[in-house]
Structure formats: C-alpha cells, structure tokens
Amino acid sequence: MQWKFWLVFLAFAAISAFLLLEEHRAHMLGALPYLILLVCPLMHVFMHGGHGGHGGHGGHGHHHGGGERDDREDRR
C-alpha cells in the first residue's frame, strides 16, 4: 500500500518539475552565471573541509591527517 503513495508522489513531483522548468526557464537561465559563481566557494568549503584540511601548508603547528606521514609510526 505504501508503494502507491510513492508512485503518486513521484508522478506529482515529475509533473511539477516539468511545469516549473517550462514556465521559469528564462529566470533560471538568467541566474545561471551567478549560480556558477556561487558554486566555487561552496565547493571549496565542502570539498576541502574548510581551511586547514589542505595538507602541505606549513606553520600551522598541527596536522590534520592527509599529506605526509611520519615513517616512525610504521616502525612501531
């Protein structure tokens, strides 16, 4: 019985998405350059885990994992 709900919901979502795309295509295409510019900092934050997760940057005084490992850890 629950699968009927999801089938109806999926059909409603597909029809709604189609109608929204058809009616608001000019608005969405006009905002596309701004959305691409917005994606750059968001990808930096979420893909790198914020600042400090880059590895290889010296002078921070702590190690976040990734990057180079100390060979002495392998000898123990």
PDB file of N, CA and C in Angstrom:
ATOM      1  N   MET A   1       0.823  -1.190   0.000  1.00  0.00           N
ATOM      2  CA  MET A   1       0.000   0.000   0.000  1.00  0.00           C
ATOM      3  C   MET A   1       0.867   1.254   0.000  1.00  0.00           C
ATOM      4  N   GLN A   2       2.034   1.196   0.647  1.00  0.00           N
ATOM      5  CA  GLN A   2       2.904   2.356   0.715  1.00  0.00           C
ATOM      6  C   GLN A   2       3.530   2.661  -0.638  1.00  0.00           C
ATOM      7  N   TRP A   3       3.720   1.667  -1.475  1.00  0.00           N
ATOM      8  CA  TRP A   3       4.312   1.894  -2.790  1.00  0.00           C
ATOM      9  C   TRP A   3       3.396   2.751  -3.648  1.00  0.00           C
ATOM     10  N   LYS A   4       2.088   2.706  -3.425  1.00  0.00           N
ATOM     11  CA  LYS A   4       1.158   3.544  -4.185  1.00  0.00           C
ATOM     12  C   LYS A   4       1.384   5.022  -3.854  1.00  0.00           C
ATOM     13  N   PHE A   5       1.624   5.305  -2.574  1.00  0.00           N
ATOM     14  CA  PHE A   5       1.903   6.678  -2.168  1.00  0.00           C
ATOM     15  C   PHE A   5       3.132   7.203  -2.890  1.00  0.00           C
ATOM     16  N   TRP A   6       4.217   6.417  -2.900  1.00  0.00           N
ATOM     17  CA  TRP A   6       5.453   6.860  -3.537  1.00  0.00           C
ATOM     18  C   TRP A   6       5.298   6.985  -5.044  1.00  0.00           C
ATOM     19  N   LEU A   7       4.479   6.136  -5.656  1.00  0.00           N
ATOM     20  CA  LEU A   7       4.223   6.236  -7.089  1.00  0.00           C
ATOM     21  C   LEU A   7       3.485   7.537  -7.415  1.00  0.00           C
ATOM     22  N   VAL A   8       2.471   7.853  -6.642  1.00  0.00           N
ATOM     23  CA  VAL A   8       1.717   9.092  -6.847  1.00  0.00           C
ATOM     24  C   VAL A   8       2.608  10.301  -6.559  1.00  0.00           C
ATOM     25  N   PHE A   9       3.406  10.228  -5.496  1.00  0.00           N
ATOM     26  CA  PHE A   9       4.303  11.320  -5.158  1.00  0.00           C
ATOM     27  C   PHE A   9       5.323  11.546  -6.264  1.00  0.00           C
ATOM     28  N   LEU A  10       5.899  10.484  -6.801  1.00  0.00           N
ATOM     29  CA  LEU A  10       6.876  10.599  -7.878  1.00  0.00           C
ATOM     30  C   LEU A  10       6.247  11.203  -9.134  1.00  0.00           C
ATOM     31  N   ALA A  11       5.051  10.789  -9.474  1.00  0.00           N
ATOM     32  CA  ALA A  11       4.361  11.347 -10.635  1.00  0.00           C
ATOM     33  C   ALA A  11       4.078  12.836 -10.421  1.00  0.00           C
ATOM     34  N   PHE A  12       3.612  13.197  -9.228  1.00  0.00           N
ATOM     35  CA  PHE A  12       3.345  14.606  -8.920  1.00  0.00           C
ATOM     36  C   PHE A  12       4.625  15.437  -8.996  1.00  0.00           C
ATOM     37  N   ALA A  13       5.730  14.911  -8.454  1.00  0.00           N
ATOM     38  CA  ALA A  13       6.997  15.637  -8.475  1.00  0.00           C
ATOM     39  C   ALA A  13       7.505  15.812  -9.903  1.00  0.00           C
ATOM     40  N   ALA A  14       7.355  14.791 -10.740  1.00  0.00           N
ATOM     41  CA  ALA A  14       7.816  14.879 -12.122  1.00  0.00           C
ATOM     42  C   ALA A  14       7.002  15.922 -12.904  1.00  0.00           C
ATOM     43  N   ILE A  15       5.684  15.904 -12.733  1.00  0.00           N
ATOM     44  CA  ILE A  15       4.833  16.880 -13.425  1.00  0.00           C
ATOM     45  C   ILE A  15       5.136  18.292 -12.925  1.00  0.00           C
ATOM     46  N   SER A  16       5.313  18.452 -11.615  1.00  0.00           N
ATOM     47  CA  SER A  16       5.630  19.772 -11.053  1.00  0.00           C
ATOM     48  C   SER A  16       6.959  20.288 -11.576  1.00  0.00           C
ATOM     49  N   ALA A  17       7.967  19.432 -11.618  1.00  0.00           N
ATOM     50  CA  ALA A  17       9.286  19.843 -12.111  1.00  0.00           C
ATOM     51  C   ALA A  17       9.207  20.262 -13.573  1.00  0.00           C
ATOM     52  N   PHE A  18       8.476  19.512 -14.380  1.00  0.00           N
ATOM     53  CA  PHE A  18       8.330  19.857 -15.797  1.00  0.00           C
ATOM     54  C   PHE A  18       7.664  21.216 -15.968  1.00  0.00           C
ATOM     55  N   LEU A  19       6.577  21.445 -15.244  1.00  0.00           N
ATOM     56  CA  LEU A  19       5.862  22.718 -15.374  1.00  0.00           C
ATOM     57  C   LEU A  19       6.702  23.887 -14.874  1.00  0.00           C
ATOM     58  N   LEU A  20       7.427  23.698 -13.780  1.00  0.00           N
ATOM     59  CA  LEU A  20       8.286  24.768 -13.282  1.00  0.00           C
ATOM     60  C   LEU A  20       9.391  25.088 -14.276  1.00  0.00           C
ATOM     61  N   LEU A  21       9.986  24.073 -14.863  1.00  0.00           N
ATOM     62  CA  LEU A  21      11.047  24.302 -15.841  1.00  0.00           C
ATOM     63  C   LEU A  21      10.522  25.030 -17.079  1.00  0.00           C
ATOM     64  N   GLU A  22       9.353  24.658 -17.532  1.00  0.00           N
ATOM     65  CA  GLU A  22       8.783  25.286 -18.722  1.00  0.00           C
ATOM     66  C   GLU A  22       8.394  26.744 -18.481  1.00  0.00           C
ATOM     67  N   GLU A  23       7.829  27.030 -17.329  1.00  0.00           N
ATOM     68  CA  GLU A  23       7.343  28.375 -17.051  1.00  0.00           C
ATOM     69  C   GLU A  23       8.436  29.351 -16.640  1.00  0.00           C
ATOM     70  N   HIS A  24       9.499  28.844 -16.034  1.00  0.00           N
ATOM     71  CA  HIS A  24      10.514  29.729 -15.459  1.00  0.00           C
ATOM     72  C   HIS A  24      11.885  29.541 -16.088  1.00  0.00           C
ATOM     73  N   ARG A  25      11.930  29.073 -17.300  1.00  0.00           N
ATOM     74  CA  ARG A  25      13.197  28.816 -17.974  1.00  0.00           C
ATOM     75  C   ARG A  25      14.037  30.088 -18.114  1.00  0.00           C
ATOM     76  N   ALA A  26      13.420  31.201 -18.479  1.00  0.00           N
ATOM     77  CA  ALA A  26      14.163  32.449 -18.668  1.00  0.00           C
ATOM     78  C   ALA A  26      14.767  32.940 -17.357  1.00  0.00           C
ATOM     79  N   HIS A  27      14.034  32.780 -16.267  1.00  0.00           N
ATOM     80  CA  HIS A  27      14.552  33.206 -14.969  1.00  0.00           C
ATOM     81  C   HIS A  27      15.740  32.348 -14.547  1.00  0.00           C
ATOM     82  N   MET A  28      15.620  31.052 -14.749  1.00  0.00           N
ATOM     83  CA  MET A  28      16.695  30.153 -14.333  1.00  0.00           C
ATOM     84  C   MET A  28      17.942  30.337 -15.186  1.00  0.00           C
ATOM     85  N   LEU A  29      17.774  30.533 -16.485  1.00  0.00           N
ATOM     86  CA  LEU A  29      18.939  30.732 -17.340  1.00  0.00           C
ATOM     87  C   LEU A  29      19.610  32.078 -17.054  1.00  0.00           C
ATOM     88  N   GLY A  30      18.830  33.071 -16.637  1.00  0.00           N
ATOM     89  CA  GLY A  30      19.406  34.360 -16.279  1.00  0.00           C
ATOM     90  C   GLY A  30      20.213  34.292 -14.992  1.00  0.00           C
ATOM     91  N   ALA A  31      19.854  33.387 -14.101  1.00  0.00           N
ATOM     92  CA  ALA A  31      20.566  33.244 -12.829  1.00  0.00           C
ATOM     93  C   ALA A  31      21.739  32.275 -12.927  1.00  0.00           C
ATOM     94  N   LEU A  32      21.884  31.583 -14.029  1.00  0.00           N
ATOM     95  CA  LEU A  32      22.920  30.567 -14.160  1.00  0.00           C
ATOM     96  C   LEU A  32      24.342  31.088 -13.938  1.00  0.00           C
ATOM     97  N   PRO A  33      24.734  32.241 -14.499  1.00  0.00           N
ATOM     98  CA  PRO A  33      26.102  32.721 -14.223  1.00  0.00           C
ATOM     99  C   PRO A  33      26.358  32.981 -12.735  1.00  0.00           C
ATOM    100  N   TYR A  34      25.350  33.483 -12.030  1.00  0.00           N
ATOM    101  CA  TYR A  34      25.516  33.736 -10.603  1.00  0.00           C
ATOM    102  C   TYR A  34      25.587  32.426  -9.819  1.00  0.00           C
ATOM    103  N   LEU A  35      24.839  31.436 -10.243  1.00  0.00           N
ATOM    104  CA  LEU A  35      24.886  30.144  -9.569  1.00  0.00           C
ATOM    105  C   LEU A  35      26.241  29.473  -9.759  1.00  0.00           C
ATOM    106  N   ILE A  36      26.832  29.630 -10.924  1.00  0.00           N
ATOM    107  CA  ILE A  36      28.162  29.062 -11.164  1.00  0.00           C
ATOM    108  C   ILE A  36      29.183  29.748 -10.264  1.00  0.00           C
ATOM    109  N   LEU A  37      29.080  31.071 -10.119  1.00  0.00           N
ATOM    110  CA  LEU A  37      29.991  31.788  -9.223  1.00  0.00           C
ATOM    111  C   LEU A  37      29.771  31.400  -7.759  1.00  0.00           C
ATOM    112  N   LEU A  38      28.550  31.081  -7.388  1.00  0.00           N
ATOM    113  CA  LEU A  38      28.252  30.666  -6.023  1.00  0.00           C
ATOM    114  C   LEU A  38      28.784  29.265  -5.737  1.00  0.00           C
ATOM    115  N   VAL A  39      28.835  28.431  -6.738  1.00  0.00           N
ATOM    116  CA  VAL A  39      29.296  27.046  -6.555  1.00  0.00           C
ATOM    117  C   VAL A  39      30.780  27.007  -6.202  1.00  0.00           C
ATOM    118  N   CYS A  40      31.578  27.938  -6.710  1.00  0.00           N
ATOM    119  CA  CYS A  40      33.028  27.917  -6.464  1.00  0.00           C
ATOM    120  C   CYS A  40      33.368  27.959  -4.970  1.00  0.00           C
ATOM    121  N   PRO A  41      32.880  28.948  -4.204  1.00  0.00           N
ATOM    122  CA  PRO A  41      33.230  28.938  -2.783  1.00  0.00           C
ATOM    123  C   PRO A  41      32.578  27.790  -2.016  1.00  0.00           C
ATOM    124  N   LEU A  42      31.395  27.392  -2.432  1.00  0.00           N
ATOM    125  CA  LEU A  42      30.750  26.272  -1.749  1.00  0.00           C
ATOM    126  C   LEU A  42      31.537  24.983  -1.950  1.00  0.00           C
ATOM    127  N   MET A  43      32.043  24.770  -3.154  1.00  0.00           N
ATOM    128  CA  MET A  43      32.863  23.588  -3.395  1.00  0.00           C
ATOM    129  C   MET A  43      34.147  23.660  -2.584  1.00  0.00           C
ATOM    130  N   HIS A  44      34.715  24.841  -2.457  1.00  0.00           N
ATOM    131  CA  HIS A  44      35.943  24.985  -1.673  1.00  0.00           C
ATOM    132  C   HIS A  44      35.691  24.600  -0.216  1.00  0.00           C
ATOM    133  N   VAL A  45      34.594  25.075   0.345  1.00  0.00           N
ATOM    134  CA  VAL A  45      34.294  24.794   1.745  1.00  0.00           C
ATOM    135  C   VAL A  45      33.979  23.317   1.959  1.00  0.00           C
ATOM    136  N   PHE A  46      33.132  22.759   1.120  1.00  0.00           N
ATOM    137  CA  PHE A  46      32.689  21.390   1.359  1.00  0.00           C
ATOM    138  C   PHE A  46      33.663  20.335   0.842  1.00  0.00           C
ATOM    139  N   MET A  47      34.394  20.625  -0.206  1.00  0.00           N
ATOM    140  CA  MET A  47      35.314  19.637  -0.746  1.00  0.00           C
ATOM    141  C   MET A  47      36.626  19.609   0.033  1.00  0.00           C
ATOM    142  N   HIS A  48      37.080  20.753   0.523  1.00  0.00           N
ATOM    143  CA  HIS A  48      38.326  20.800   1.272  1.00  0.00           C
ATOM    144  C   HIS A  48      38.093  20.676   2.771  1.00  0.00           C
ATOM    145  N   GLY A  49      36.889  20.757   3.220  1.00  0.00           N
ATOM    146  CA  GLY A  49      36.614  20.697   4.646  1.00  0.00           C
ATOM    147  C   GLY A  49      36.978  21.978   5.371  1.00  0.00           C
ATOM    148  N   GLY A  50      36.895  23.101   4.697  1.00  0.00           N
ATOM    149  CA  GLY A  50      37.261  24.371   5.310  1.00  0.00           C
ATOM    150  C   GLY A  50      38.756  24.573   5.235  1.00  0.00           C
ATOM    151  N   HIS A  51      39.262  25.558   5.914  1.00  0.00           N
ATOM    152  CA  HIS A  51      40.691  25.828   5.911  1.00  0.00           C
ATOM    153  C   HIS A  51      41.387  24.916   6.903  1.00  0.00           C
ATOM    154  N   GLY A  52      42.573  24.508   6.568  1.00  0.00           N
ATOM    155  CA  GLY A  52      43.349  23.636   7.436  1.00  0.00           C
ATOM    156  C   GLY A  52      43.329  22.196   6.972  1.00  0.00           C
ATOM    157  N   GLY A  53      42.503  21.821   6.056  1.00  0.00           N
ATOM    158  CA  GLY A  53      42.442  20.448   5.590  1.00  0.00           C
ATOM    159  C   GLY A  53      43.183  20.219   4.292  1.00  0.00           C
ATOM    160  N   HIS A  54      43.962  21.195   3.855  1.00  0.00           N
ATOM    161  CA  HIS A  54      44.634  21.084   2.572  1.00  0.00           C
ATOM    162  C   HIS A  54      45.853  20.188   2.643  1.00  0.00           C
ATOM    163  N   GLY A  55      46.539  20.181   3.756  1.00  0.00           N
ATOM    164  CA  GLY A  55      47.780  19.427   3.873  1.00  0.00           C
ATOM    165  C   GLY A  55      48.889  20.130   3.118  1.00  0.00           C
ATOM    166  N   GLY A  56      50.083  20.056   3.604  1.00  0.00           N
ATOM    167  CA  GLY A  56      51.202  20.655   2.917  1.00  0.00           C
ATOM    168  C   GLY A  56      51.417  22.122   3.233  1.00  0.00           C
ATOM    169  N   HIS A  57      50.540  22.750   3.985  1.00  0.00           N
ATOM    170  CA  HIS A  57      50.725  24.136   4.392  1.00  0.00           C
ATOM    171  C   HIS A  57      51.501  24.135   5.693  1.00  0.00           C
ATOM    172  N   GLY A  58      52.619  24.787   5.725  1.00  0.00           N
ATOM    173  CA  GLY A  58      53.436  24.816   6.922  1.00  0.00           C
ATOM    174  C   GLY A  58      53.048  25.947   7.841  1.00  0.00           C
ATOM    175  N   GLY A  59      53.550  25.886   9.075  1.00  0.00           N
ATOM    176  CA  GLY A  59      53.374  26.980  10.002  1.00  0.00           C
ATOM    177  C   GLY A  59      52.099  26.953  10.812  1.00  0.00           C
ATOM    178  N   HIS A  60      51.277  25.924  10.693  1.00  0.00           N
ATOM    179  CA  HIS A  60      50.047  25.872  11.472  1.00  0.00           C
ATOM    180  C   HIS A  60      50.262  25.221  12.824  1.00  0.00           C
ATOM    181  N   GLY A  61      51.292  24.405  12.959  1.00  0.00           N
ATOM    182  CA  GLY A  61      51.596  23.791  14.229  1.00  0.00           C
ATOM    183  C   GLY A  61      50.771  22.560  14.548  1.00  0.00           C
ATOM    184  N   HIS A  62      49.942  22.110  13.655  1.00  0.00           N
ATOM    185  CA  HIS A  62      49.188  20.887  13.889  1.00  0.00           C
ATOM    186  C   HIS A  62      48.973  20.174  12.569  1.00  0.00           C
ATOM    187  N   HIS A  63      48.619  18.899  12.674  1.00  0.00           N
ATOM    188  CA  HIS A  63      48.489  18.062  11.484  1.00  0.00           C
ATOM    189  C   HIS A  63      47.064  17.526  11.430  1.00  0.00           C
ATOM    190  N   HIS A  64      46.404  17.686  10.303  1.00  0.00           N
ATOM    191  CA  HIS A  64      45.002  17.293  10.160  1.00  0.00           C
ATOM    192  C   HIS A  64      44.833  15.946   9.493  1.00  0.00           C
ATOM    193  N   GLY A  65      45.859  15.220   9.272  1.00  0.00           N
ATOM    194  CA  GLY A  65      45.743  13.982   8.517  1.00  0.00           C
ATOM    195  C   GLY A  65      45.934  14.287   7.051  1.00  0.00           C
ATOM    196  N   GLY A  66      46.078  13.280   6.255  1.00  0.00           N
ATOM    197  CA  GLY A  66      46.349  13.504   4.845  1.00  0.00           C
ATOM    198  C   GLY A  66      47.741  14.076   4.683  1.00  0.00           C
ATOM    199  N   GLY A  67      48.259  14.079   3.528  1.00  0.00           N
ATOM    200  CA  GLY A  67      49.597  14.614   3.314  1.00  0.00           C
ATOM    201  C   GLY A  67      50.647  13.585   3.700  1.00  0.00           C
ATOM    202  N   GLU A  68      51.770  14.069   4.206  1.00  0.00           N
ATOM    203  CA  GLU A  68      52.894  13.193   4.521  1.00  0.00           C
ATOM    204  C   GLU A  68      52.734  12.571   5.899  1.00  0.00           C
ATOM    205  N   ARG A  69      53.197  11.320   6.026  1.00  0.00           N
ATOM    206  CA  ARG A  69      53.175  10.628   7.305  1.00  0.00           C
ATOM    207  C   ARG A  69      54.591  10.489   7.834  1.00  0.00           C
ATOM    208  N   ASP A  70      54.695  10.338   9.118  1.00  0.00           N
ATOM    209  CA  ASP A  70      55.982  10.132   9.744  1.00  0.00           C
ATOM    210  C   ASP A  70      56.346   8.649   9.636  1.00  0.00           C
ATOM    211  N   ASP A  71      57.542   8.336   9.133  1.00  0.00           N
ATOM    212  CA  ASP A  71      57.944   6.951   8.959  1.00  0.00           C
ATOM    213  C   ASP A  71      58.097   6.231  10.299  1.00  0.00           C
ATOM    214  N   ARG A  72      58.305   6.958  11.383  1.00  0.00           N
ATOM    215  CA  ARG A  72      58.480   6.322  12.686  1.00  0.00           C
ATOM    216  C   ARG A  72      57.205   5.621  13.125  1.00  0.00           C
ATOM    217  N   GLU A  73      56.041   6.045  12.649  1.00  0.00           N
ATOM    218  CA  GLU A  73      54.797   5.377  13.025  1.00  0.00           C
ATOM    219  C   GLU A  73      54.726   3.973  12.463  1.00  0.00           C
ATOM    220  N   ASP A  74      55.306   3.743  11.294  1.00  0.00           N
ATOM    221  CA  ASP A  74      55.269   2.427  10.667  1.00  0.00           C
ATOM    222  C   ASP A  74      56.199   1.440  11.363  1.00  0.00           C
ATOM    223  N   ARG A  75      57.210   1.902  12.052  1.00  0.00           N
ATOM    224  CA  ARG A  75      58.200   1.022  12.678  1.00  0.00           C
ATOM    225  C   ARG A  75      57.710   0.441  13.998  1.00  0.00           C
ATOM    226  N   ARG A  76      56.705   1.003  14.588  1.00  0.00           N
ATOM    227  CA  ARG A  76      56.229   0.520  15.899  1.00  0.00           C
ATOM    228  C   ARG A  76      55.411  -0.721  15.790  1.00  0.00           C
TER     229      ARG A  76
END
